[in-house]
N, C-alpha and C. Protein backbone atom coordinates (compact mmCIF):
# COMPACT_ATOMS: atom_id res chain seq x y z
N MET A 1 25.59 -45.92 175.12
CA MET A 1 26.77 -46.71 174.85
C MET A 1 26.39 -48.19 174.92
N VAL A 2 26.86 -48.94 173.98
CA VAL A 2 26.60 -50.36 173.94
C VAL A 2 27.82 -51.08 174.50
N THR A 3 27.62 -51.90 175.51
CA THR A 3 28.74 -52.62 176.10
C THR A 3 29.01 -53.90 175.32
N LYS A 4 30.16 -54.49 175.58
CA LYS A 4 30.56 -55.72 174.89
C LYS A 4 29.51 -56.81 175.09
N LYS A 5 28.94 -56.90 176.28
CA LYS A 5 27.93 -57.92 176.58
C LYS A 5 26.67 -57.74 175.74
N GLU A 6 26.35 -56.50 175.37
CA GLU A 6 25.11 -56.22 174.65
C GLU A 6 25.22 -56.42 173.14
N VAL A 7 26.41 -56.62 172.64
CA VAL A 7 26.61 -56.78 171.20
C VAL A 7 26.48 -58.25 170.85
N PRO A 8 25.52 -58.60 169.99
CA PRO A 8 25.35 -60.00 169.59
C PRO A 8 26.60 -60.56 168.92
N GLU A 9 26.76 -61.85 168.97
CA GLU A 9 27.95 -62.52 168.42
C GLU A 9 28.22 -62.17 166.97
N LYS A 10 27.18 -62.02 166.16
CA LYS A 10 27.41 -61.76 164.74
C LYS A 10 28.06 -60.39 164.48
N TYR A 11 28.11 -59.53 165.50
CA TYR A 11 28.74 -58.22 165.35
C TYR A 11 30.12 -58.18 165.99
N ARG A 12 30.71 -59.32 166.22
CA ARG A 12 32.06 -59.38 166.77
C ARG A 12 33.04 -59.69 165.66
N ASP A 13 34.24 -59.19 165.78
CA ASP A 13 35.23 -59.45 164.74
C ASP A 13 35.87 -60.82 164.95
N ILE A 14 36.83 -61.15 164.11
CA ILE A 14 37.43 -62.49 164.17
C ILE A 14 38.18 -62.73 165.49
N HIS A 15 38.48 -61.68 166.21
CA HIS A 15 39.17 -61.80 167.48
C HIS A 15 38.18 -61.84 168.66
N GLY A 16 36.90 -61.74 168.37
CA GLY A 16 35.89 -61.74 169.42
C GLY A 16 35.60 -60.39 170.02
N ASP A 17 36.23 -59.34 169.46
CA ASP A 17 35.98 -57.99 169.97
C ASP A 17 34.62 -57.49 169.51
N ALA A 18 33.90 -56.84 170.42
CA ALA A 18 32.59 -56.28 170.10
C ALA A 18 32.76 -55.09 169.15
N LEU A 19 31.89 -54.99 168.17
CA LEU A 19 31.89 -53.87 167.23
C LEU A 19 30.55 -53.14 167.34
N PRO A 20 30.36 -52.38 168.43
CA PRO A 20 29.06 -51.73 168.64
C PRO A 20 28.65 -50.79 167.54
N GLU A 21 29.62 -50.19 166.83
CA GLU A 21 29.24 -49.27 165.75
C GLU A 21 28.51 -50.02 164.63
N HIS A 22 28.91 -51.23 164.33
CA HIS A 22 28.21 -52.03 163.31
C HIS A 22 26.83 -52.44 163.80
N TYR A 23 26.75 -52.80 165.05
CA TYR A 23 25.48 -53.17 165.66
C TYR A 23 24.52 -51.98 165.63
N ASN A 24 25.00 -50.81 166.03
CA ASN A 24 24.16 -49.61 166.06
C ASN A 24 23.70 -49.21 164.66
N GLN A 25 24.59 -49.32 163.67
CA GLN A 25 24.21 -48.99 162.29
C GLN A 25 23.13 -49.93 161.79
N ASP A 26 23.24 -51.20 162.13
CA ASP A 26 22.23 -52.17 161.71
C ASP A 26 20.89 -51.88 162.38
N LEU A 27 20.91 -51.58 163.68
CA LEU A 27 19.68 -51.23 164.39
C LEU A 27 19.03 -50.00 163.77
N PHE A 28 19.85 -49.01 163.43
CA PHE A 28 19.35 -47.78 162.82
C PHE A 28 18.66 -48.07 161.49
N ARG A 29 19.33 -48.87 160.64
CA ARG A 29 18.75 -49.19 159.32
C ARG A 29 17.44 -49.96 159.47
N ARG A 30 17.41 -50.91 160.39
CA ARG A 30 16.19 -51.70 160.55
C ARG A 30 15.05 -50.87 161.14
N ALA A 31 15.37 -49.97 162.04
CA ALA A 31 14.33 -49.17 162.69
C ALA A 31 13.81 -48.06 161.78
N LEU A 32 14.72 -47.40 161.06
CA LEU A 32 14.32 -46.22 160.29
C LEU A 32 14.29 -46.42 158.79
N GLY A 33 14.76 -47.56 158.31
CA GLY A 33 14.77 -47.82 156.87
C GLY A 33 13.42 -47.63 156.20
N PRO A 34 12.36 -48.24 156.74
CA PRO A 34 11.04 -48.06 156.12
C PRO A 34 10.58 -46.59 156.11
N LEU A 35 10.86 -45.87 157.18
CA LEU A 35 10.49 -44.46 157.24
C LEU A 35 11.28 -43.64 156.22
N MET A 36 12.56 -43.93 156.08
CA MET A 36 13.38 -43.21 155.12
C MET A 36 12.90 -43.46 153.70
N LYS A 37 12.44 -44.66 153.40
CA LYS A 37 11.89 -44.96 152.07
C LYS A 37 10.64 -44.14 151.80
N LYS A 38 9.80 -43.98 152.80
CA LYS A 38 8.58 -43.18 152.64
C LYS A 38 8.92 -41.71 152.41
N ILE A 39 9.91 -41.21 153.13
CA ILE A 39 10.33 -39.82 152.96
C ILE A 39 10.86 -39.61 151.55
N GLU A 40 11.69 -40.54 151.09
CA GLU A 40 12.25 -40.43 149.73
C GLU A 40 11.14 -40.52 148.68
N ALA A 41 10.17 -41.42 148.88
CA ALA A 41 9.07 -41.57 147.93
C ALA A 41 8.23 -40.31 147.85
N ALA A 42 8.17 -39.56 148.95
CA ALA A 42 7.41 -38.31 148.96
C ALA A 42 8.21 -37.17 148.32
N GLY A 43 9.47 -37.44 147.98
CA GLY A 43 10.29 -36.42 147.33
C GLY A 43 10.86 -35.38 148.29
N LEU A 44 10.88 -35.70 149.57
CA LEU A 44 11.41 -34.77 150.55
C LEU A 44 12.91 -34.96 150.73
N LYS A 45 13.61 -33.88 151.01
CA LYS A 45 15.03 -33.96 151.30
C LYS A 45 15.19 -34.13 152.82
N TYR A 46 16.16 -34.94 153.21
CA TYR A 46 16.42 -35.14 154.62
C TYR A 46 17.88 -35.49 154.82
N GLU A 47 18.30 -35.39 156.04
CA GLU A 47 19.64 -35.80 156.41
C GLU A 47 19.52 -36.68 157.64
N GLY A 48 20.05 -37.87 157.57
CA GLY A 48 20.04 -38.77 158.71
C GLY A 48 21.29 -38.58 159.53
N ILE A 49 21.12 -38.36 160.81
CA ILE A 49 22.26 -38.15 161.71
C ILE A 49 22.13 -39.15 162.85
N VAL A 50 23.17 -39.92 163.05
CA VAL A 50 23.17 -40.90 164.14
C VAL A 50 24.02 -40.35 165.27
N GLU A 51 23.42 -40.16 166.40
CA GLU A 51 24.11 -39.64 167.58
C GLU A 51 23.76 -40.53 168.77
N VAL A 52 24.53 -40.41 169.81
CA VAL A 52 24.30 -41.18 171.03
C VAL A 52 24.17 -40.21 172.19
N GLY A 53 23.21 -40.48 173.07
CA GLY A 53 23.06 -39.65 174.26
C GLY A 53 21.60 -39.38 174.55
N ASP A 54 21.38 -38.42 175.43
CA ASP A 54 20.03 -38.00 175.79
C ASP A 54 19.38 -37.38 174.55
N PRO A 55 18.25 -37.92 174.09
CA PRO A 55 17.64 -37.42 172.85
C PRO A 55 17.43 -35.91 172.80
N ALA A 56 16.90 -35.34 173.86
CA ALA A 56 16.62 -33.89 173.85
C ALA A 56 17.91 -33.09 173.70
N LYS A 57 18.95 -33.47 174.44
CA LYS A 57 20.22 -32.74 174.38
C LYS A 57 20.88 -32.92 173.01
N VAL A 58 20.81 -34.12 172.47
CA VAL A 58 21.43 -34.39 171.16
C VAL A 58 20.72 -33.61 170.06
N ILE A 59 19.40 -33.58 170.10
CA ILE A 59 18.63 -32.84 169.10
C ILE A 59 18.99 -31.35 169.14
N ILE A 60 19.05 -30.78 170.33
CA ILE A 60 19.38 -29.37 170.46
C ILE A 60 20.81 -29.11 169.99
N LYS A 61 21.75 -29.97 170.39
CA LYS A 61 23.14 -29.81 169.98
C LYS A 61 23.28 -29.91 168.46
N THR A 62 22.61 -30.89 167.88
CA THR A 62 22.68 -31.10 166.43
C THR A 62 22.04 -29.94 165.69
N ARG A 63 20.90 -29.48 166.19
CA ARG A 63 20.20 -28.35 165.56
C ARG A 63 21.06 -27.10 165.60
N ASN A 64 21.69 -26.85 166.74
CA ASN A 64 22.54 -25.66 166.88
C ASN A 64 23.77 -25.71 166.00
N ARG A 65 24.27 -26.90 165.70
CA ARG A 65 25.42 -27.04 164.81
C ARG A 65 25.09 -26.57 163.40
N GLY A 66 23.83 -26.73 162.99
CA GLY A 66 23.43 -26.38 161.64
C GLY A 66 23.14 -24.92 161.43
N GLU A 67 23.13 -24.16 162.49
CA GLU A 67 22.80 -22.71 162.37
C GLU A 67 23.99 -21.89 162.04
């Protein structure tokens, strides 16, 4: 979870409220964008899923949802 203090000013709305979902989406694109381009260039199919929590638990939960 991203707290209001952790959200940079540029991700706040006109009222000064923190918008962590925009911040998280931007972090995701910057971190994984280059990797996603390589996957696409290789012609592989993928699905990007953004989740929050303990990585191991989230991966297992997400994997089980697809079965």
